[in-house]
Amino acid sequence: MSVISPIQVKICCVQSPEEARLALQFGAAAVGMVSGMPSGPGEIGLDRIAGIVASVPSAVGTFLLTSGTEVAALVEKQRSTGVNTLQLWDRLASDDYDHLRRALPGVSLVQVIHVRDSMAEVEAREIAPRVDAVVLDSGNPAVPHRWVSGTGQTHDWTISQRIVEELDRPVLLAGGLTSHNVADAIRLVRPYGVDTCTGVRTDDRLDKSKLVAFLESVQRVSP
């Protein structure tokens, strides 16, 4: 898919309304909150996520990242929080995407693809028709790394580049992006948007200086 101007930025692992407002103030288009991930940074309770969602304009993308795969539980998470997007760390059973859509009309479904090797291209092709967008991240779903997320590690961007060129869905690039490498990543991959967590945090807090540097790097390279 051709890059959309400007590059959209999602700030993940947001933990408070204050962090959300800070991200939006400097140009982020979406914020992500984490719930139901057995490990990794930023997990917060559903009540806190609901408070963050209520604090931002309705046009803002509000993502809930979760490893949950049971439709009923996913529906409850969305209804409890009011997020407009579910970001699925694990794949669901094929029919469950349709079940989610029927239960949550108007809620976007975004699938994380763990880019380890060229098999990610196969997975992306298979999953894209069932979701509204994909996130290309550096997670490793294999044991013993099964639940490691938010590692701040990059992956082979040439694989992500091929996925972006092939898919007819928006693609967000994630995985180890910082102000120092995001411009190079955008130039190569040409994604719809970029997604970062650890790249803009210090001591588990959103770091204003890192955030501003990241967004300025994106703005400089955006068409």
C-alpha atoms as a PDB file:
ATOM      1  CA  MET A   1       0.000   0.000   0.000  1.00  0.00           C
ATOM      2  CA  SER A   2       1.290   3.475  -0.828  1.00  0.00           C
ATOM      3  CA  VAL A   3       2.266   5.673   2.068  1.00  0.00           C
ATOM      4  CA  ILE A   4      -0.403   8.092   3.284  1.00  0.00           C
ATOM      5  CA  SER A   5       0.604  11.691   3.952  1.00  0.00           C
ATOM      6  CA  PRO A   6       1.413  12.486   6.636  1.00  0.00           C
ATOM      7  CA  ILE A   7       2.730   9.416   8.443  1.00  0.00           C
ATOM      8  CA  GLN A   8       0.402   8.561  11.306  1.00  0.00           C
ATOM      9  CA  VAL A   9       1.949   8.096  14.749  1.00  0.00           C
ATOM     10  CA  LYS A  10       0.629   5.846  17.499  1.00  0.00           C
ATOM     11  CA  ILE A  11       2.101   6.140  20.986  1.00  0.00           C
ATOM     12  CA  CYS A  12       1.623   2.898  22.871  1.00  0.00           C
ATOM     13  CA  CYS A  13       1.854   1.935  26.569  1.00  0.00           C
ATOM     14  CA  VAL A  14       0.025   5.127  27.589  1.00  0.00           C
ATOM     15  CA  GLN A  15      -0.796   4.960  31.286  1.00  0.00           C
ATOM     16  CA  SER A  16      -2.749   8.117  32.133  1.00  0.00           C
ATOM     17  CA  PRO A  17      -4.860  10.912  30.641  1.00  0.00           C
ATOM     18  CA  GLU A  18      -1.865  13.198  31.108  1.00  0.00           C
ATOM     19  CA  GLU A  19       0.342  10.956  28.970  1.00  0.00           C
ATOM     20  CA  ALA A  20      -2.373  10.738  26.322  1.00  0.00           C
ATOM     21  CA  ARG A  21      -2.774  14.503  26.155  1.00  0.00           C
ATOM     22  CA  LEU A  22       0.997  14.968  25.943  1.00  0.00           C
ATOM     23  CA  ALA A  23       1.223  12.553  23.020  1.00  0.00           C
ATOM     24  CA  LEU A  24      -1.630  14.265  21.188  1.00  0.00           C
ATOM     25  CA  GLN A  25      -0.305  17.741  21.916  1.00  0.00           C
ATOM     26  CA  PHE A  26       2.826  17.060  19.908  1.00  0.00           C
ATOM     27  CA  GLY A  27       1.182  15.353  16.965  1.00  0.00           C
ATOM     28  CA  ALA A  28       0.276  11.723  17.695  1.00  0.00           C
ATOM     29  CA  ALA A  29      -2.879  10.520  15.964  1.00  0.00           C
ATOM     30  CA  ALA A  30      -3.523   7.538  18.221  1.00  0.00           C
ATOM     31  CA  VAL A  31      -2.745   6.246  21.682  1.00  0.00           C
ATOM     32  CA  GLY A  32      -2.438   2.653  22.795  1.00  0.00           C
ATOM     33  CA  MET A  33      -3.087   1.080  26.168  1.00  0.00           C
ATOM     34  CA  VAL A  34      -2.043  -2.392  27.289  1.00  0.00           C
ATOM     35  CA  SER A  35      -4.293  -4.893  29.079  1.00  0.00           C
ATOM     36  CA  GLY A  36      -4.152  -8.666  29.261  1.00  0.00           C
ATOM     37  CA  MET A  37      -0.495  -9.127  28.324  1.00  0.00           C
ATOM     38  CA  PRO A  38       1.343 -11.496  30.687  1.00  0.00           C
ATOM     39  CA  SER A  39       4.598  -9.560  30.326  1.00  0.00           C
ATOM     40  CA  GLY A  40       6.032  -6.407  28.855  1.00  0.00           C
ATOM     41  CA  PRO A  41       5.673  -2.727  29.729  1.00  0.00           C
ATOM     42  CA  GLY A  42       2.688  -0.583  30.414  1.00  0.00           C
ATOM     43  CA  GLU A  43      -0.131  -2.912  31.468  1.00  0.00           C
ATOM     44  CA  ILE A  44      -2.918  -1.075  33.284  1.00  0.00           C
ATOM     45  CA  GLY A  45      -6.424  -1.896  34.464  1.00  0.00           C
ATOM     46  CA  LEU A  46      -9.579  -1.523  32.410  1.00  0.00           C
ATOM     47  CA  ASP A  47     -10.866   1.313  34.610  1.00  0.00           C
ATOM     48  CA  ARG A  48      -7.744   3.349  33.909  1.00  0.00           C
ATOM     49  CA  ILE A  49      -8.036   2.658  30.201  1.00  0.00           C
ATOM     50  CA  ALA A  50     -11.655   3.842  30.258  1.00  0.00           C
ATOM     51  CA  GLY A  51     -10.523   7.045  31.959  1.00  0.00           C
ATOM     52  CA  ILE A  52      -7.895   7.670  29.288  1.00  0.00           C
ATOM     53  CA  VAL A  53     -10.391   7.057  26.486  1.00  0.00           C
ATOM     54  CA  ALA A  54     -12.870   9.458  28.083  1.00  0.00           C
ATOM     55  CA  SER A  55     -10.195  12.153  28.289  1.00  0.00           C
ATOM     56  CA  VAL A  56      -9.379  12.360  24.574  1.00  0.00           C
ATOM     57  CA  PRO A  57     -11.440  13.525  21.577  1.00  0.00           C
ATOM     58  CA  SER A  58     -13.555  10.855  19.930  1.00  0.00           C
ATOM     59  CA  ALA A  59     -11.640  11.249  16.651  1.00  0.00           C
ATOM     60  CA  VAL A  60      -8.432  10.002  18.299  1.00  0.00           C
ATOM     61  CA  GLY A  61      -7.504   6.388  17.693  1.00  0.00           C
ATOM     62  CA  THR A  62      -7.684   4.537  21.014  1.00  0.00           C
ATOM     63  CA  PHE A  63      -6.083   1.092  20.827  1.00  0.00           C
ATOM     64  CA  LEU A  64      -6.274  -1.689  23.403  1.00  0.00           C
ATOM     65  CA  LEU A  65      -3.381  -4.129  22.989  1.00  0.00           C
ATOM     66  CA  THR A  66      -4.158  -7.569  24.363  1.00  0.00           C
ATOM     67  CA  SER A  67      -3.088 -11.168  23.951  1.00  0.00           C
ATOM     68  CA  GLY A  68      -6.611 -12.376  24.646  1.00  0.00           C
ATOM     69  CA  THR A  69      -8.207 -14.624  22.060  1.00  0.00           C
ATOM     70  CA  GLU A  70     -11.637 -15.393  23.521  1.00  0.00           C
ATOM     71  CA  VAL A  71     -14.320 -13.402  21.749  1.00  0.00           C
ATOM     72  CA  ALA A  72     -16.505 -12.866  24.824  1.00  0.00           C
ATOM     73  CA  ALA A  73     -13.573 -11.525  26.839  1.00  0.00           C
ATOM     74  CA  LEU A  74     -12.479  -9.232  24.018  1.00  0.00           C
ATOM     75  CA  VAL A  75     -15.991  -7.869  23.677  1.00  0.00           C
ATOM     76  CA  GLU A  76     -16.117  -7.191  27.407  1.00  0.00           C
ATOM     77  CA  LYS A  77     -12.773  -5.382  27.315  1.00  0.00           C
ATOM     78  CA  GLN A  78     -13.965  -3.098  24.551  1.00  0.00           C
ATOM     79  CA  ARG A  79     -17.308  -2.391  26.172  1.00  0.00           C
ATOM     80  CA  SER A  80     -15.666  -1.739  29.530  1.00  0.00           C
ATOM     81  CA  THR A  81     -13.162   0.725  28.121  1.00  0.00           C
ATOM     82  CA  GLY A  82     -14.788   2.330  25.096  1.00  0.00           C
ATOM     83  CA  VAL A  83     -11.691   1.975  22.891  1.00  0.00           C
ATOM     84  CA  ASN A  84     -12.372   2.265  19.189  1.00  0.00           C
ATOM     85  CA  THR A  85      -9.705  -0.271  18.197  1.00  0.00           C
ATOM     86  CA  LEU A  86      -8.701  -3.727  19.427  1.00  0.00           C
ATOM     87  CA  GLN A  87      -5.056  -4.569  18.728  1.00  0.00           C
ATOM     88  CA  LEU A  88      -4.678  -8.339  18.799  1.00  0.00           C
ATOM     89  CA  TRP A  89      -1.254  -9.676  19.769  1.00  0.00           C
ATOM     90  CA  ASP A  90      -2.248 -13.261  18.951  1.00  0.00           C
ATOM     91  CA  ARG A  91      -4.190 -14.546  15.976  1.00  0.00           C
ATOM     92  CA  LEU A  92      -7.768 -15.624  16.530  1.00  0.00           C
ATOM     93  CA  ALA A  93      -9.550 -18.598  15.077  1.00  0.00           C
ATOM     94  CA  SER A  94     -10.708 -17.624  11.578  1.00  0.00           C
ATOM     95  CA  ASP A  95     -14.423 -17.426  12.403  1.00  0.00           C
ATOM     96  CA  ASP A  96     -13.793 -15.356  15.524  1.00  0.00           C
ATOM     97  CA  TYR A  97     -12.918 -12.243  13.518  1.00  0.00           C
ATOM     98  CA  ASP A  98     -16.425 -12.320  12.059  1.00  0.00           C
ATOM     99  CA  HIS A  99     -17.893 -12.951  15.505  1.00  0.00           C
ATOM    100  CA  LEU A 100     -16.055  -9.910  16.874  1.00  0.00           C
ATOM    101  CA  ARG A 101     -17.259  -7.709  14.039  1.00  0.00           C
ATOM    102  CA  ARG A 102     -20.853  -8.698  14.612  1.00  0.00           C
ATOM    103  CA  ALA A 103     -20.559  -8.098  18.351  1.00  0.00           C
ATOM    104  CA  LEU A 104     -18.665  -4.800  18.018  1.00  0.00           C
ATOM    105  CA  PRO A 105     -19.876  -2.913  14.944  1.00  0.00           C
ATOM    106  CA  GLY A 106     -17.775   0.138  14.272  1.00  0.00           C
ATOM    107  CA  VAL A 107     -14.799  -1.091  16.297  1.00  0.00           C
ATOM    108  CA  SER A 108     -11.619  -1.564  14.281  1.00  0.00           C
ATOM    109  CA  LEU A 109      -9.608  -4.781  14.452  1.00  0.00           C
ATOM    110  CA  VAL A 110      -5.835  -4.570  14.101  1.00  0.00           C
ATOM    111  CA  GLN A 111      -3.631  -7.659  14.040  1.00  0.00           C
ATOM    112  CA  VAL A 112      -0.026  -7.767  15.180  1.00  0.00           C
ATOM    113  CA  ILE A 113       2.270  -9.684  12.834  1.00  0.00           C
ATOM    114  CA  HIS A 114       5.512 -10.829  14.471  1.00  0.00           C
ATOM    115  CA  VAL A 115       8.208 -10.287  11.865  1.00  0.00           C
ATOM    116  CA  ARG A 116      10.855 -12.938  12.480  1.00  0.00           C
ATOM    117  CA  ASP A 117      11.434 -14.209   8.953  1.00  0.00           C
ATOM    118  CA  SER A 118       9.761 -14.370   5.554  1.00  0.00           C
ATOM    119  CA  MET A 119       6.888 -16.436   6.978  1.00  0.00           C
ATOM    120  CA  ALA A 120       5.548 -13.119   8.262  1.00  0.00           C
ATOM    121  CA  GLU A 121       4.672 -12.297   4.645  1.00  0.00           C
ATOM    122  CA  VAL A 122       2.531 -15.415   4.404  1.00  0.00           C
ATOM    123  CA  GLU A 123       0.806 -14.659   7.690  1.00  0.00           C
ATOM    124  CA  ALA A 124       0.161 -11.042   6.705  1.00  0.00           C
ATOM    125  CA  ARG A 125      -1.463 -12.114   3.426  1.00  0.00           C
ATOM    126  CA  GLU A 126      -3.671 -14.604   5.248  1.00  0.00           C
ATOM    127  CA  ILE A 127      -4.787 -12.283   8.012  1.00  0.00           C
ATOM    128  CA  ALA A 128      -5.185  -8.957   6.173  1.00  0.00           C
ATOM    129  CA  PRO A 129      -8.647  -9.670   4.694  1.00  0.00           C
ATOM    130  CA  ARG A 130     -10.033 -10.286   8.192  1.00  0.00           C
ATOM    131  CA  VAL A 131      -8.830  -7.063   9.835  1.00  0.00           C
ATOM    132  CA  ASP A 132      -8.732  -3.317   9.251  1.00  0.00           C
ATOM    133  CA  ALA A 133      -4.962  -2.910   9.606  1.00  0.00           C
ATOM    134  CA  VAL A 134      -1.849  -4.749  10.699  1.00  0.00           C
ATOM    135  CA  VAL A 135       1.048  -3.844  12.970  1.00  0.00           C
ATOM    136  CA  LEU A 136       4.445  -5.257  12.038  1.00  0.00           C
ATOM    137  CA  ASP A 137       6.318  -5.788  15.298  1.00  0.00           C
ATOM    138  CA  SER A 138       9.405  -7.585  16.582  1.00  0.00           C
ATOM    139  CA  GLY A 139       7.770  -9.953  19.042  1.00  0.00           C
ATOM    140  CA  ASN A 140       8.557 -13.648  19.104  1.00  0.00           C
ATOM    141  CA  PRO A 141       5.539 -15.918  19.648  1.00  0.00           C
ATOM    142  CA  ALA A 142       7.705 -19.026  20.060  1.00  0.00           C
ATOM    143  CA  VAL A 143       8.534 -20.587  23.422  1.00  0.00           C
ATOM    144  CA  PRO A 144      10.420 -19.536  25.578  1.00  0.00           C
ATOM    145  CA  HIS A 145       9.922 -15.997  24.278  1.00  0.00           C
ATOM    146  CA  ARG A 146       6.150 -16.509  24.064  1.00  0.00           C
ATOM    147  CA  TRP A 147       5.042 -13.540  26.092  1.00  0.00           C
ATOM    148  CA  VAL A 148       7.930 -11.140  25.622  1.00  0.00           C
ATOM    149  CA  SER A 149       6.618  -7.858  24.194  1.00  0.00           C
ATOM    150  CA  GLY A 150       7.785  -4.282  24.171  1.00  0.00           C
ATOM    151  CA  THR A 151      11.396  -5.397  23.917  1.00  0.00           C
ATOM    152  CA  GLY A 152      12.588  -2.348  22.016  1.00  0.00           C
ATOM    153  CA  GLN A 153      14.134  -4.572  19.329  1.00  0.00           C
ATOM    154  CA  THR A 154      13.979  -3.884  15.608  1.00  0.00           C
ATOM    155  CA  HIS A 155      13.465  -6.520  12.926  1.00  0.00           C
ATOM    156  CA  ASP A 156      14.336  -6.964   9.257  1.00  0.00           C
ATOM    157  CA  TRP A 157      12.645  -3.960   7.681  1.00  0.00           C
ATOM    158  CA  THR A 158      13.066  -5.353   4.178  1.00  0.00           C
ATOM    159  CA  ILE A 159      10.466  -7.988   5.075  1.00  0.00           C
ATOM    160  CA  SER A 160       8.136  -5.270   6.327  1.00  0.00           C
ATOM    161  CA  GLN A 161       8.750  -3.318   3.127  1.00  0.00           C
ATOM    162  CA  ARG A 162       7.553  -6.265   1.041  1.00  0.00           C
ATOM    163  CA  ILE A 163       4.466  -6.671   3.226  1.00  0.00           C
ATOM    164  CA  VAL A 164       3.538  -3.004   2.859  1.00  0.00           C
ATOM    165  CA  GLU A 165       3.906  -3.229  -0.918  1.00  0.00           C
ATOM    166  CA  GLU A 166       1.653  -6.261  -1.110  1.00  0.00           C
ATOM    167  CA  LEU A 167      -1.176  -5.547   1.313  1.00  0.00           C
ATOM    168  CA  ASP A 168      -4.268  -3.482   0.588  1.00  0.00           C
ATOM    169  CA  ARG A 169      -4.621  -2.597   4.273  1.00  0.00           C
ATOM    170  CA  PRO A 170      -2.944   0.137   6.326  1.00  0.00           C
ATOM    171  CA  VAL A 171       0.290  -1.078   7.904  1.00  0.00           C
ATOM    172  CA  LEU A 172       1.856   0.346  11.050  1.00  0.00           C
ATOM    173  CA  LEU A 173       5.529  -0.342  11.640  1.00  0.00           C
ATOM    174  CA  ALA A 174       6.623  -1.047  15.218  1.00  0.00           C
ATOM    175  CA  GLY A 175       9.495  -2.657  17.048  1.00  0.00           C
ATOM    176  CA  GLY A 176      12.407  -0.721  18.485  1.00  0.00           C
ATOM    177  CA  LEU A 177      11.618   2.578  16.775  1.00  0.00           C
ATOM    178  CA  THR A 178      13.270   5.671  18.240  1.00  0.00           C
ATOM    179  CA  SER A 179      14.008   9.196  17.086  1.00  0.00           C
ATOM    180  CA  HIS A 180      17.353   7.892  15.821  1.00  0.00           C
ATOM    181  CA  ASN A 181      16.044   5.233  13.432  1.00  0.00           C
ATOM    182  CA  VAL A 182      12.421   6.040  12.611  1.00  0.00           C
ATOM    183  CA  ALA A 183      13.254   8.227   9.603  1.00  0.00           C
ATOM    184  CA  ASP A 184      15.320   5.450   8.013  1.00  0.00           C
ATOM    185  CA  ALA A 185      12.540   2.963   8.741  1.00  0.00           C
ATOM    186  CA  ILE A 186       9.919   5.161   7.086  1.00  0.00           C
ATOM    187  CA  ARG A 187      12.045   5.790   4.010  1.00  0.00           C
ATOM    188  CA  LEU A 188      12.550   2.057   3.482  1.00  0.00           C
ATOM    189  CA  VAL A 189       9.230   0.558   4.547  1.00  0.00           C
ATOM    190  CA  ARG A 190       6.849   3.404   3.587  1.00  0.00           C
ATOM    191  CA  PRO A 191       4.184   2.415   6.108  1.00  0.00           C
ATOM    192  CA  TYR A 192       0.863   4.087   6.761  1.00  0.00           C
ATOM    193  CA  GLY A 193       2.073   4.819  10.274  1.00  0.00           C
ATOM    194  CA  VAL A 194       4.551   4.044  13.021  1.00  0.00           C
ATOM    195  CA  ASP A 195       3.995   2.734  16.533  1.00  0.00           C
ATOM    196  CA  THR A 196       6.350   3.131  19.493  1.00  0.00           C
ATOM    197  CA  CYS A 197       6.373   2.403  23.206  1.00  0.00           C
ATOM    198  CA  THR A 198       9.822   2.041  24.757  1.00  0.00           C
ATOM    199  CA  GLY A 199      11.355   4.479  22.275  1.00  0.00           C
ATOM    200  CA  VAL A 200       9.641   7.428  23.962  1.00  0.00           C
ATOM    201  CA  ARG A 201       9.728   6.286  27.587  1.00  0.00           C
ATOM    202  CA  THR A 202      12.210   6.631  30.442  1.00  0.00           C
ATOM    203  CA  ASP A 203      11.779   4.746  33.721  1.00  0.00           C
ATOM    204  CA  ASP A 204       8.314   3.622  32.547  1.00  0.00           C
ATOM    205  CA  ARG A 205       7.146   7.211  32.002  1.00  0.00           C
ATOM    206  CA  LEU A 206       6.416   9.023  28.787  1.00  0.00           C
ATOM    207  CA  ASP A 207       9.479  11.197  28.229  1.00  0.00           C
ATOM    208  CA  LYS A 208       8.589  14.558  26.688  1.00  0.00           C
ATOM    209  CA  SER A 209      12.016  15.116  25.150  1.00  0.00           C
ATOM    210  CA  LYS A 210      12.075  11.653  23.542  1.00  0.00           C
ATOM    211  CA  LEU A 211       8.472  12.087  22.377  1.00  0.00           C
ATOM    212  CA  VAL A 212       9.163  15.434  20.732  1.00  0.00           C
ATOM    213  CA  ALA A 213      12.354  14.152  19.097  1.00  0.00           C
ATOM    214  CA  PHE A 214      10.504  11.109  17.751  1.00  0.00           C
ATOM    215  CA  LEU A 215       7.630  13.126  16.309  1.00  0.00           C
ATOM    216  CA  GLU A 216       9.990  15.683  14.789  1.00  0.00           C
ATOM    217  CA  SER A 217      11.913  12.872  13.099  1.00  0.00           C
ATOM    218  CA  VAL A 218       8.682  11.523  11.638  1.00  0.00           C
ATOM    219  CA  GLN A 219       7.557  14.968  10.475  1.00  0.00           C
ATOM    220  CA  ARG A 220      10.844  15.629   8.701  1.00  0.00           C
ATOM    221  CA  VAL A 221      10.525  12.520   6.566  1.00  0.00           C
ATOM    222  CA  SER A 222       6.749  12.561   5.981  1.00  0.00           C
ATOM    223  CA  PRO A 223       5.693  13.411   2.409  1.00  0.00           C
END
